[in-house]
């Protein structure tokens, strides 16, 4: 029993010591938290931080060499001058503004490639001042930004969408921005590829600048990290600056367009010369550049390369990149960003104002070329007009022949529209327009009218396709009915001062002969 009571006493003693130790630890923790609070309060008020007192100092005496307490010696505090607070929280690193701006660049959701391109990354390592932890952060952030830039600029769909946004910005803002060349030239240079000026400056690609900054930052870090990099390599980071030949030419074409837009503010109604793109075509061949433009803007290889269209941006006019003619070479080889057709007024509203209640189609109806609404009659609106004369079609044909653009296909019920009747009458009446009409390219042109124009130009026509005679017969019947003419013999039509005869049969094939004047059938 005596042994059991001794063991219980020993256990109680241990528990008391543990409880006392826990109380001491809790008290020390409270004192540390209180000291931190005092430091923060002094920092806010701009005062010197209070010195921490030991338990002996709190008792009013300090222990001497023999362990006996002695009188406390007054402390002398050293702090910042009166009226000035601490410029940085205690223990926190002092980072230059350019380093803070670089580390604040988000490579994920809020990534802005134009803002990242304006950062002066070449001075970051010098600004870090040898701080290894800061250099590690700079290297990691540079690697993350390189991966995001590669994803944005080397994907053709992303690159094409980005170029459209920059062309839209150029269209809307460049006329009213006096410092357009200086400001935008710095913001857009080196986004896709190196920006070069003949005999002048060179702005390397953004990823090349980030790579050089990362390499410089890693050289100043720990020796163990440099050895590890030398053994393992940087395959992932190297892939963000490596490109295939196809990716390189796509990037060069996109950067040339940006450099040209930055150098030439928009002038109303005038084409924008794409000088750097033209120089690139001299080095890389026109066919290669055209293939890239077709890929970026989802256009046919032969053009037109539509960059902006009123259907998507109602407040702008159609903008297309006009390719040089096949025979152009040297200085005559020139690309240009050309206005196609004017923007539609009011984006679906009439020009009378927002409250007029009239849409574009209502305004176009009743308009004639030379009248009050002739500006709205173009290739896209002429089919909606209820009163159209031949001058409208002459203007449309001249414009399309000059720009070498294809006309959009007419609506399904085009034969019943006044615009088609005016077009057919002009083909019957004007020899010059007939030749011009046959040179216009359509994306889906009327089937019978080109056959009629060819017959009137040549005087004779043998249809190459067996069903062509049906389209030509239907065209002649419609022209005679619209003119109010009476039916004559089978296979004979008198329309617009022309007499057309059909010869032959289904078995041997049909032949058509057209004579000017009212000849006797």
Protein backbone atom coordinates (compact mmCIF):
# COMPACT_ATOMS: atom_id res chain seq x y z
CA UNK A 1 0.00 0.00 0.00
CA UNK A 2 2.90 2.31 0.78
CA UNK A 3 4.28 1.77 -2.74
CA UNK A 4 0.89 2.61 -4.31
CA UNK A 5 0.60 5.85 -2.34
CA UNK A 6 4.13 6.89 -3.39
CA UNK A 7 3.29 6.24 -7.06
CA UNK A 8 0.11 8.34 -6.76
CA UNK A 9 2.06 11.18 -5.22
CA UNK A 10 4.64 11.05 -8.02
CA UNK A 11 1.86 11.12 -10.65
CA UNK A 12 0.19 14.12 -9.03
CA UNK A 13 3.56 15.90 -8.88
CA UNK A 14 4.04 15.38 -12.61
CA UNK A 15 0.56 16.65 -13.41
CA UNK A 16 1.16 19.79 -11.37
CA UNK A 17 4.43 20.44 -13.22
CA UNK A 18 2.72 19.94 -16.59
CA UNK A 19 -0.09 22.32 -15.65
CA UNK A 20 2.41 24.94 -14.52
CA UNK A 21 4.32 24.52 -17.82
CA UNK A 22 1.13 24.93 -19.84
CA UNK A 23 0.26 28.12 -17.96
CA UNK A 24 3.74 29.49 -18.57
CA UNK A 25 3.54 28.73 -22.32
CA UNK A 26 0.10 30.36 -22.58
CA UNK A 27 1.34 33.45 -20.73
CA UNK A 28 4.37 33.76 -23.02
CA UNK A 29 2.11 33.48 -26.05
CA UNK A 30 -0.15 36.25 -24.78
CA UNK A 31 2.88 38.45 -24.18
CA UNK A 32 4.15 37.89 -27.73
CA UNK A 33 0.75 38.75 -29.22
CA UNK A 34 0.60 41.90 -27.11
CA UNK A 35 4.10 42.89 -28.28
CA UNK A 36 3.09 42.44 -31.93
CA UNK A 37 0.00 44.59 -31.36
CA UNK A 38 2.16 47.32 -29.82
CA UNK A 39 4.53 47.22 -32.77
CA UNK A 40 1.71 47.59 -35.26
CA UNK A 41 0.18 50.44 -33.28
CA UNK A 42 3.52 52.25 -33.14
CA UNK A 43 3.99 51.75 -36.89
CA UNK A 44 0.62 53.32 -37.64
CA UNK A 45 1.33 56.34 -35.38
CA UNK A 46 4.87 56.75 -36.73
CA UNK A 47 6.49 56.15 -33.34
CA UNK A 48 9.52 54.06 -32.47
CA UNK A 49 8.64 50.46 -31.63
CA UNK A 50 8.70 49.80 -27.86
CA UNK A 51 11.42 47.51 -26.60
CA UNK A 52 10.39 44.12 -25.24
CA UNK A 53 11.02 43.75 -21.48
CA UNK A 54 12.25 40.61 -19.86
CA UNK A 55 10.61 39.24 -16.69
CA UNK A 56 13.53 40.56 -14.66
CA UNK A 57 13.08 44.04 -16.12
CA UNK A 58 9.38 43.95 -15.39
CA UNK A 59 10.23 43.25 -11.71
CA UNK A 60 12.32 46.44 -11.59
CA UNK A 61 15.71 44.73 -11.11
CA UNK A 62 18.05 42.84 -13.41
CA UNK A 63 20.14 39.83 -12.37
CA UNK A 64 23.88 40.37 -11.94
CA UNK A 65 26.62 37.86 -12.57
CA UNK A 66 25.93 36.10 -9.26
CA UNK A 67 22.24 35.76 -9.99
CA UNK A 68 21.16 38.53 -7.57
CA UNK A 69 18.89 41.24 -8.98
CA UNK A 70 20.31 44.71 -9.37
CA UNK A 71 18.96 48.09 -10.32
CA UNK A 72 17.68 48.43 -13.94
CA UNK A 73 19.70 50.67 -16.27
CA UNK A 74 17.48 53.04 -18.30
CA UNK A 75 17.21 52.09 -22.02
CA UNK A 76 18.02 54.40 -24.90
CA UNK A 77 15.55 53.94 -27.77
CA UNK A 78 16.62 54.48 -31.37
CA UNK A 79 13.82 55.14 -33.87
CA UNK A 80 12.99 57.14 -36.98
CA UNK A 81 12.93 60.95 -36.83
CA UNK A 82 9.85 62.58 -35.37
CA UNK A 83 6.97 62.98 -37.80
CA UNK A 84 8.09 60.10 -40.07
CA UNK A 85 6.71 56.60 -39.91
CA UNK A 86 8.23 53.38 -41.12
CA UNK A 87 8.18 53.17 -44.94
CA UNK A 88 7.66 49.41 -44.91
CA UNK A 89 6.13 46.94 -42.43
CA UNK A 90 8.72 45.46 -40.10
CA UNK A 91 10.33 42.42 -41.69
CA UNK A 92 8.73 42.99 -45.13
CA UNK A 93 10.88 43.35 -48.29
CA UNK A 94 11.08 46.68 -50.08
CA UNK A 95 10.20 46.01 -53.75
CA UNK A 96 10.59 48.51 -56.60
CA UNK A 97 7.37 49.57 -58.40
CA UNK A 98 8.34 47.87 -61.68
CA UNK A 99 8.88 44.56 -59.88
CA UNK A 100 5.54 44.88 -58.08
CA UNK A 101 3.79 45.61 -61.41
CA UNK A 102 5.40 42.56 -63.02
CA UNK A 103 4.50 40.20 -60.16
CA UNK A 104 0.93 41.59 -60.16
CA UNK A 105 0.41 40.56 -63.81
CA UNK A 106 -2.13 37.74 -63.75
CA UNK A 107 -1.45 34.96 -66.30
CA UNK A 108 -4.91 33.39 -65.83
CA UNK A 109 -8.38 34.92 -65.98
CA UNK A 110 -7.48 38.63 -65.96
CA UNK A 111 -4.56 38.31 -68.35
CA UNK A 112 -4.01 41.35 -70.60
CA UNK A 113 -1.35 40.72 -73.21
CA UNK A 114 -1.15 44.37 -74.27
CA UNK A 115 -0.53 45.45 -70.65
CA UNK A 116 2.07 42.70 -70.21
CA UNK A 117 3.80 43.86 -73.39
CA UNK A 118 4.30 47.36 -71.95
CA UNK A 119 6.21 46.11 -68.88
CA UNK A 120 9.92 46.91 -68.99
CA UNK A 121 11.10 43.41 -68.14
CA UNK A 122 14.73 44.06 -69.05
CA UNK A 123 15.30 46.08 -65.84
CA UNK A 124 13.64 43.67 -63.39
CA UNK A 125 16.74 41.73 -62.35
CA UNK A 126 18.73 44.88 -61.64
CA UNK A 127 15.80 46.27 -59.64
CA UNK A 128 15.64 43.11 -57.49
CA UNK A 129 19.00 44.04 -55.93
CA UNK A 130 20.27 40.49 -55.47
CA UNK A 131 17.29 39.32 -53.38
CA UNK A 132 17.25 35.59 -54.14
CA UNK A 133 13.68 35.04 -52.99
CA UNK A 134 12.51 37.90 -55.20
CA UNK A 135 14.50 36.61 -58.15
CA UNK A 136 12.85 33.20 -57.75
CA UNK A 137 9.42 34.87 -57.90
CA UNK A 138 10.40 36.81 -61.03
CA UNK A 139 11.60 33.62 -62.76
CA UNK A 140 8.42 31.70 -61.91
CA UNK A 141 6.13 34.52 -63.03
CA UNK A 142 8.05 34.93 -66.31
CA UNK A 143 7.64 31.20 -67.06
CA UNK A 144 3.87 31.38 -66.38
CA UNK A 145 3.46 34.44 -68.62
CA UNK A 146 5.41 32.81 -71.45
CA UNK A 147 3.05 29.83 -71.48
CA UNK A 148 -0.01 32.10 -71.64
CA UNK A 149 1.43 34.31 -74.39
CA UNK A 150 2.25 31.22 -76.46
CA UNK A 151 -1.33 30.01 -76.09
CA UNK A 152 -2.76 33.34 -77.24
CA UNK A 153 -0.63 34.28 -80.22
CA UNK A 154 0.20 30.91 -81.82
CA UNK A 155 -3.41 29.76 -82.15
CA UNK A 156 -4.79 31.08 -85.49
CA UNK A 157 -8.35 31.53 -84.19
CA UNK A 158 -7.19 33.49 -81.14
CA UNK A 159 -4.78 35.51 -83.27
CA UNK A 160 -7.48 36.37 -85.84
CA UNK A 161 -9.94 37.48 -83.15
CA UNK A 162 -7.24 39.58 -81.47
CA UNK A 163 -6.35 41.25 -84.78
CA UNK A 164 -10.00 42.13 -85.41
CA UNK A 165 -10.21 43.81 -82.02
CA UNK A 166 -7.08 45.84 -82.76
CA UNK A 167 -8.40 46.87 -86.20
CA UNK A 168 -11.66 47.92 -84.55
CA UNK A 169 -9.69 49.99 -82.03
CA UNK A 170 -7.73 51.55 -84.90
CA UNK A 171 -10.94 52.38 -86.77
CA UNK A 172 -12.66 54.03 -83.80
CA UNK A 173 -9.84 55.72 -81.87
CA UNK A 174 -6.98 56.57 -84.23
CA UNK A 175 -8.64 59.60 -85.94
CA UNK A 176 -9.17 61.35 -82.58
CA UNK A 177 -5.82 60.39 -80.98
CA UNK A 178 -3.00 62.83 -81.87
CA UNK A 179 -0.32 60.67 -80.20
CA UNK A 180 -1.46 57.48 -81.91
CA UNK A 181 1.89 56.62 -83.52
CA UNK A 182 3.97 57.10 -80.37
CA UNK A 183 1.58 55.50 -77.89
CA UNK A 184 0.26 52.55 -79.87
CA UNK A 185 3.61 51.81 -81.48
CA UNK A 186 5.04 50.96 -78.04
CA UNK A 187 1.99 48.99 -76.93
CA UNK A 188 1.71 46.76 -80.02
CA UNK A 189 5.38 46.26 -80.94
CA UNK A 190 6.66 42.72 -80.39
CA UNK A 191 3.31 41.11 -79.51
CA UNK A 192 3.39 38.34 -82.14
CA UNK A 193 6.95 38.50 -83.46
CA UNK A 194 9.92 40.86 -83.70
CA UNK A 195 8.94 44.39 -84.79
CA UNK A 196 11.55 45.66 -87.19
CA UNK A 197 12.04 49.07 -88.76
CA UNK A 198 14.40 49.22 -91.72
CA UNK A 199 17.58 50.85 -90.49
CA UNK A 200 16.03 51.53 -87.09
CA UNK A 201 15.03 49.89 -83.86
CA UNK A 202 14.18 46.27 -83.15
CA UNK A 203 11.62 45.22 -80.55
CA UNK A 204 12.00 41.47 -79.82
CA UNK A 205 9.03 39.20 -79.37
CA UNK A 206 7.45 39.34 -75.91
CA UNK A 207 8.32 35.71 -75.09
CA UNK A 208 11.95 36.29 -76.07
CA UNK A 209 12.13 39.19 -73.64
CA UNK A 210 10.51 37.13 -70.88
CA UNK A 211 12.90 34.26 -71.58
CA UNK A 212 15.94 36.54 -71.32
CA UNK A 213 14.61 37.97 -68.03
CA UNK A 214 14.03 34.50 -66.62
CA UNK A 215 17.51 33.35 -67.60
CA UNK A 216 19.10 36.42 -66.01
CA UNK A 217 17.09 35.94 -62.82
CA UNK A 218 18.03 32.26 -62.54
CA UNK A 219 21.72 33.04 -63.00
CA UNK A 220 21.61 35.15 -59.85
CA UNK A 221 19.86 32.50 -57.73
CA UNK A 222 21.30 29.64 -55.67
CA UNK A 223 24.08 27.44 -57.09
CA UNK A 224 22.11 24.26 -56.33
CA UNK A 225 19.21 25.48 -58.45
CA UNK A 226 21.48 26.30 -61.36
CA UNK A 227 23.08 22.85 -61.20
CA UNK A 228 19.64 21.22 -61.14
CA UNK A 229 18.57 23.20 -64.20
CA UNK A 230 21.73 22.21 -66.01
CA UNK A 231 21.08 18.51 -65.36
CA UNK A 232 17.34 18.44 -66.09
CA UNK A 233 17.03 21.21 -68.71
CA UNK A 234 14.10 23.55 -69.30
CA UNK A 235 12.12 21.70 -71.94
CA UNK A 236 8.78 23.17 -70.95
CA UNK A 237 10.05 26.76 -70.96
CA UNK A 238 11.99 26.22 -74.18
CA UNK A 239 8.79 25.12 -75.92
CA UNK A 240 7.26 28.53 -75.22
CA UNK A 241 9.84 30.27 -77.40
CA UNK A 242 10.24 27.56 -80.07
CA UNK A 243 8.07 27.74 -83.20
CA UNK A 244 7.48 25.71 -86.33
CA UNK A 245 8.04 27.45 -89.68
CA UNK A 246 4.28 27.73 -90.18
CA UNK A 247 3.75 29.32 -86.76
CA UNK A 248 6.58 31.75 -87.47
CA UNK A 249 5.11 33.05 -90.74
CA UNK A 250 1.66 33.40 -89.17
CA UNK A 251 3.17 35.45 -86.34
CA UNK A 252 5.15 37.61 -88.78
CA UNK A 253 2.04 38.41 -90.85
CA UNK A 254 0.01 39.32 -87.75
CA UNK A 255 2.79 41.53 -86.37
CA UNK A 256 3.24 43.28 -89.72
CA UNK A 257 -0.45 44.20 -89.74
CA UNK A 258 -0.22 45.58 -86.18
CA UNK A 259 2.89 47.62 -87.00
CA UNK A 260 1.21 49.10 -90.08
CA UNK A 261 -1.92 50.06 -88.14
CA UNK A 262 0.21 51.66 -85.43
CA UNK A 263 2.09 53.70 -88.05
CA UNK A 264 -0.90 54.95 -90.07
CA UNK A 265 -3.92 56.47 -88.29
CA UNK A 266 -7.18 56.12 -90.19
CA UNK A 267 -8.20 58.75 -92.69
CA UNK A 268 -11.90 58.79 -93.60
CA UNK A 269 -12.56 57.16 -96.97
CA UNK A 270 -8.87 56.51 -97.72
CA UNK A 271 -7.21 53.07 -97.79
CA UNK A 272 -4.51 52.33 -95.23
CA UNK A 273 -1.23 51.19 -96.86
CA UNK A 274 0.17 48.02 -95.32
CA UNK A 275 3.83 48.73 -96.02
CA UNK A 276 5.40 46.17 -93.66
CA UNK A 277 3.02 43.47 -94.85
CA UNK A 278 4.02 44.27 -98.44
CA UNK A 279 7.72 44.02 -97.57
CA UNK A 280 7.05 40.69 -95.88
CA UNK A 281 5.31 39.45 -99.06
CA UNK A 282 8.41 40.35 -101.09
CA UNK A 283 10.52 38.13 -98.81
CA UNK A 284 8.00 35.35 -98.21
CA UNK A 285 6.04 35.39 -101.53
CA UNK A 286 2.51 36.68 -102.06
CA UNK A 287 0.91 33.22 -102.12
CA UNK A 288 2.29 32.40 -98.66
CA UNK A 289 1.05 35.66 -97.15
CA UNK A 290 -2.38 35.19 -98.76
CA UNK A 291 -2.66 31.71 -97.28
CA UNK A 292 -1.95 33.13 -93.81
CA UNK A 293 -4.50 35.95 -94.27
CA UNK A 294 -7.12 33.40 -95.32
CA UNK A 295 -6.34 31.36 -92.19
CA UNK A 296 -6.47 34.36 -89.82
CA UNK A 297 -9.70 35.86 -91.19
CA UNK A 298 -11.49 32.68 -92.35
CA UNK A 299 -11.56 33.84 -95.97
CA UNK A 300 -10.91 32.11 -99.31
CA UNK A 301 -7.28 31.95 -100.39
CA UNK A 302 -7.92 34.26 -103.33
CA UNK A 303 -9.64 36.89 -101.19
CA UNK A 304 -11.25 39.14 -100.35
CA UNK A 305 -9.85 39.03 -96.80
CA UNK A 306 -12.71 40.58 -94.83
CA UNK A 307 -11.45 41.99 -91.52
CA UNK A 308 -14.49 43.98 -90.33
CA UNK A 309 -18.04 43.61 -91.61
CA UNK A 310 -21.15 45.73 -90.88
CA UNK A 311 -23.10 42.60 -89.98
CA UNK A 312 -20.92 42.15 -86.91
CA UNK A 313 -20.00 45.80 -86.23
CA UNK A 314 -22.92 47.95 -87.44
CA UNK A 315 -21.17 51.26 -86.70
CA UNK A 316 -18.22 50.63 -89.05
CA UNK A 317 -17.84 50.18 -92.77
CA UNK A 318 -16.61 47.00 -94.34
CA UNK A 319 -12.81 46.75 -94.22
CA UNK A 320 -10.93 44.26 -96.37
CA UNK A 321 -7.26 43.60 -97.02
CA UNK A 322 -6.70 44.05 -100.73
CA UNK A 323 -4.05 41.76 -102.15
CA UNK A 324 -1.74 42.92 -104.98
CA UNK A 325 -2.33 41.84 -108.54
CA UNK A 326 -0.49 38.76 -109.73
CA UNK A 327 1.81 40.73 -112.03
CA UNK A 328 2.98 43.16 -109.30
CA UNK A 329 6.59 42.97 -108.15
CA UNK A 330 9.04 45.04 -106.16
CA UNK A 331 7.72 48.45 -105.12
CA UNK A 332 4.48 47.85 -107.04
CA UNK A 333 3.65 44.90 -104.79
CA UNK A 334 1.41 46.51 -102.19
CA UNK A 335 -1.25 45.41 -99.72
CA UNK A 336 -3.80 47.87 -98.35
CA UNK A 337 -6.65 47.91 -95.85
CA UNK A 338 -9.48 49.22 -98.02
CA UNK A 339 -13.04 50.29 -97.17
CA UNK A 340 -15.42 47.97 -98.98
CA UNK A 341 -18.86 49.44 -98.55
CA UNK A 342 -20.10 52.14 -96.19
CA UNK A 343 -21.55 51.26 -92.81
CA UNK A 344 -25.29 51.01 -92.50
CA UNK A 345 -26.69 54.08 -90.93
CA UNK A 346 -27.84 53.93 -87.34
CA UNK A 347 -27.22 50.18 -86.91
CA UNK A 348 -30.71 49.16 -88.00
CA UNK A 349 -32.29 52.58 -87.51
CA UNK A 350 -32.92 55.25 -90.07
CA UNK A 351 -30.71 58.30 -90.07
CA UNK A 352 -33.59 60.35 -88.71
CA UNK A 353 -32.68 59.41 -85.11
CA UNK A 354 -33.33 56.74 -82.53
CA UNK A 355 -36.96 57.63 -82.11
CA UNK A 356 -37.88 57.67 -85.77
CA UNK A 357 -39.14 54.08 -85.69
CA UNK A 358 -37.88 53.37 -89.22
CA UNK A 359 -35.44 50.58 -89.91
CA UNK A 360 -32.95 50.36 -92.74
CA UNK A 361 -35.18 48.40 -95.10
CA UNK A 362 -37.99 50.95 -94.78
CA UNK A 363 -35.58 53.75 -95.57
CA UNK A 364 -34.19 51.91 -98.58
CA UNK A 365 -37.63 51.36 -100.09
CA UNK A 366 -38.60 54.10 -102.44
CA UNK A 367 -34.97 55.22 -102.90
CA UNK A 368 -33.40 55.65 -106.31
CA UNK A 369 -29.85 56.38 -107.34
CA UNK A 370 -29.39 60.10 -107.50
CA UNK A 371 -32.27 60.61 -105.07
CA UNK A 372 -32.40 61.36 -101.38
CA UNK A 373 -31.38 57.88 -100.18
CA UNK A 374 -28.78 56.87 -102.77
CA UNK A 375 -26.03 56.44 -100.15
CA UNK A 376 -27.86 53.47 -98.68
CA UNK A 377 -28.20 51.60 -101.98
CA UNK A 378 -25.23 49.32 -102.34
CA UNK A 379 -24.75 45.65 -103.17
CA UNK A 380 -26.23 44.60 -99.81
CA UNK A 381 -29.30 46.90 -99.81
CA UNK A 382 -30.23 47.21 -103.47
CA UNK A 383 -32.43 44.11 -103.33
CA UNK A 384 -34.64 45.73 -100.67
CA UNK A 385 -35.35 48.91 -102.66
CA UNK A 386 -38.64 49.26 -104.51
CA UNK A 387 -37.44 51.78 -107.08
CA UNK A 388 -34.05 51.14 -108.68
CA UNK A 389 -32.65 52.39 -111.97
CA UNK A 390 -29.67 51.32 -114.03
CA UNK A 391 -27.31 53.92 -112.53
CA UNK A 392 -27.30 52.02 -109.24
CA UNK A 393 -26.13 48.82 -110.94
CA UNK A 394 -23.50 50.73 -112.92
CA UNK A 395 -22.07 52.12 -109.71
CA UNK A 396 -22.12 48.71 -107.98
CA UNK A 397 -20.45 47.01 -110.95
CA UNK A 398 -17.76 49.69 -111.17
CA UNK A 399 -17.00 49.47 -107.46
CA UNK A 400 -16.83 45.66 -107.45
CA UNK A 401 -14.64 45.58 -110.51
CA UNK A 402 -12.25 48.09 -108.93
CA UNK A 403 -12.04 46.25 -105.59
CA UNK A 404 -12.19 42.77 -107.18
CA UNK A 405 -14.74 41.67 -104.60
CA UNK A 406 -17.44 39.13 -105.25
CA UNK A 407 -21.07 40.10 -105.14
CA UNK A 408 -23.21 38.31 -102.59
CA UNK A 409 -25.84 35.95 -104.01
CA UNK A 410 -29.29 37.48 -104.56
CA UNK A 411 -32.28 36.39 -102.45
CA UNK A 412 -34.33 33.39 -103.51
CA UNK A 413 -37.16 35.52 -104.89
CA UNK A 414 -34.83 37.84 -106.81
CA UNK A 415 -36.81 37.52 -110.08
CA UNK A 416 -39.81 39.25 -108.50
CA UNK A 417 -37.78 42.18 -107.15
CA UNK A 418 -37.55 45.59 -108.87
CA UNK A 419 -33.75 45.51 -108.61
CA UNK A 420 -33.53 42.46 -110.85
CA UNK A 421 -35.84 43.97 -113.45
CA UNK A 422 -33.61 47.06 -113.58
CA UNK A 423 -30.51 44.87 -113.92
CA UNK A 424 -31.98 42.86 -116.80
CA UNK A 425 -33.15 46.00 -118.61
CA UNK A 426 -29.64 47.45 -118.35
CA UNK A 427 -28.16 44.24 -119.79
CA UNK A 428 -30.57 44.45 -122.76
CA UNK A 429 -29.94 48.14 -123.41
CA UNK A 430 -26.21 48.81 -122.78
CA UNK A 431 -23.44 47.09 -124.71
CA UNK A 432 -20.75 48.47 -122.37
CA UNK A 433 -22.54 47.23 -119.27
CA UNK A 434 -23.00 43.77 -120.77
CA UNK A 435 -19.24 43.36 -121.06
CA UNK A 436 -18.70 44.80 -117.59
CA UNK A 437 -21.42 42.55 -116.15
CA UNK A 438 -19.71 39.41 -117.47
CA UNK A 439 -16.46 40.32 -115.66
CA UNK A 440 -18.10 40.60 -112.22
CA UNK A 441 -17.63 37.62 -109.93
CA UNK A 442 -20.60 36.41 -107.89
CA UNK A 443 -20.70 34.04 -104.98
CA UNK A 444 -23.94 32.73 -106.44
CA UNK A 445 -25.02 34.75 -109.46
CA UNK A 446 -28.35 34.48 -111.30
CA UNK A 447 -28.28 31.54 -113.66
CA UNK A 448 -30.11 32.88 -116.72
CA UNK A 449 -28.96 36.49 -116.96
CA UNK A 450 -25.24 35.72 -117.67
CA UNK A 451 -26.36 33.43 -120.52
CA UNK A 452 -28.50 36.23 -121.96
CA UNK A 453 -25.62 38.74 -121.68
CA UNK A 454 -23.24 36.29 -123.39
CA UNK A 455 -25.75 35.73 -126.23
CA UNK A 456 -26.17 39.47 -126.82
CA UNK A 457 -22.40 40.08 -126.78
CA UNK A 458 -21.56 37.26 -129.21
CA UNK A 459 -24.74 37.21 -131.29
CA UNK A 460 -24.75 33.41 -131.12
CA UNK A 461 -24.73 30.93 -128.28
CA UNK A 462 -24.54 27.15 -128.04
CA UNK A 463 -25.22 26.12 -124.41
CA UNK A 464 -22.43 23.97 -123.03
CA UNK A 465 -24.68 22.30 -120.44
CA UNK A 466 -27.86 20.54 -121.53
CA UNK A 467 -30.01 22.37 -118.98
CA UNK A 468 -28.71 25.87 -119.82
CA UNK A 469 -31.33 26.32 -122.55
CA UNK A 470 -34.05 26.04 -119.89
CA UNK A 471 -32.56 28.90 -117.87
CA UNK A 472 -32.15 31.03 -121.02
CA UNK A 473 -35.72 30.32 -122.19
CA UNK A 474 -37.06 31.26 -118.74
CA UNK A 475 -35.05 34.49 -118.80
CA UNK A 476 -36.36 35.46 -122.25
CA UNK A 477 -39.97 34.64 -121.28
CA UNK A 478 -39.70 36.73 -118.09
CA UNK A 479 -38.17 39.68 -120.00
CA UNK A 480 -40.95 39.60 -122.61
CA UNK A 481 -43.69 39.33 -119.99
CA UNK A 482 -42.26 42.19 -117.90
CA UNK A 483 -42.10 44.36 -121.02
CA UNK A 484 -45.72 43.50 -121.90
CA UNK A 485 -44.81 41.96 -125.26
CA UNK A 486 -47.04 39.47 -127.06
CA UNK A 487 -45.99 35.90 -127.72
CA UNK A 488 -44.86 35.15 -131.26
CA UNK A 489 -43.86 31.87 -132.88
CA UNK A 490 -42.42 29.03 -130.81
CA UNK A 491 -38.76 29.65 -130.00
CA UNK A 492 -38.81 33.33 -130.98
CA UNK A 493 -38.65 36.27 -128.55
CA UNK A 494 -38.66 40.02 -129.15
CA UNK A 495 -37.29 41.84 -126.08
CA UNK A 496 -35.60 45.21 -125.58
CA UNK A 497 -34.99 45.83 -129.27
CA UNK A 498 -33.58 42.33 -129.79
CA UNK A 499 -34.99 39.35 -131.64
CA UNK A 500 -33.78 36.02 -130.35
CA UNK A 501 -34.39 32.75 -132.23
CA UNK A 502 -33.88 29.24 -130.91
CA UNK A 503 -32.81 26.61 -133.45
CA UNK A 504 -32.23 22.89 -133.22
CA UNK A 505 -33.87 20.28 -131.02
CA UNK A 506 -33.34 18.28 -127.85
CA UNK A 507 -31.70 15.49 -129.79
CA UNK A 508 -29.14 17.50 -131.73
CA UNK A 509 -28.88 20.37 -129.24
CA UNK A 510 -30.14 23.95 -129.22
CA UNK A 511 -28.55 27.01 -130.76
CA UNK A 512 -29.54 30.66 -130.15
CA UNK A 513 -29.17 33.61 -132.52
CA UNK A 514 -29.71 37.23 -131.43
CA UNK A 515 -30.25 40.11 -133.85
CA UNK A 516 -30.58 43.78 -133.03
CA UNK A 517 -33.85 45.35 -134.16
CA UNK A 518 -37.28 43.85 -134.79
CA UNK A 519 -36.39 41.23 -137.39
CA UNK A 520 -39.12 39.15 -139.03
CA UNK A 521 -39.36 35.69 -137.49
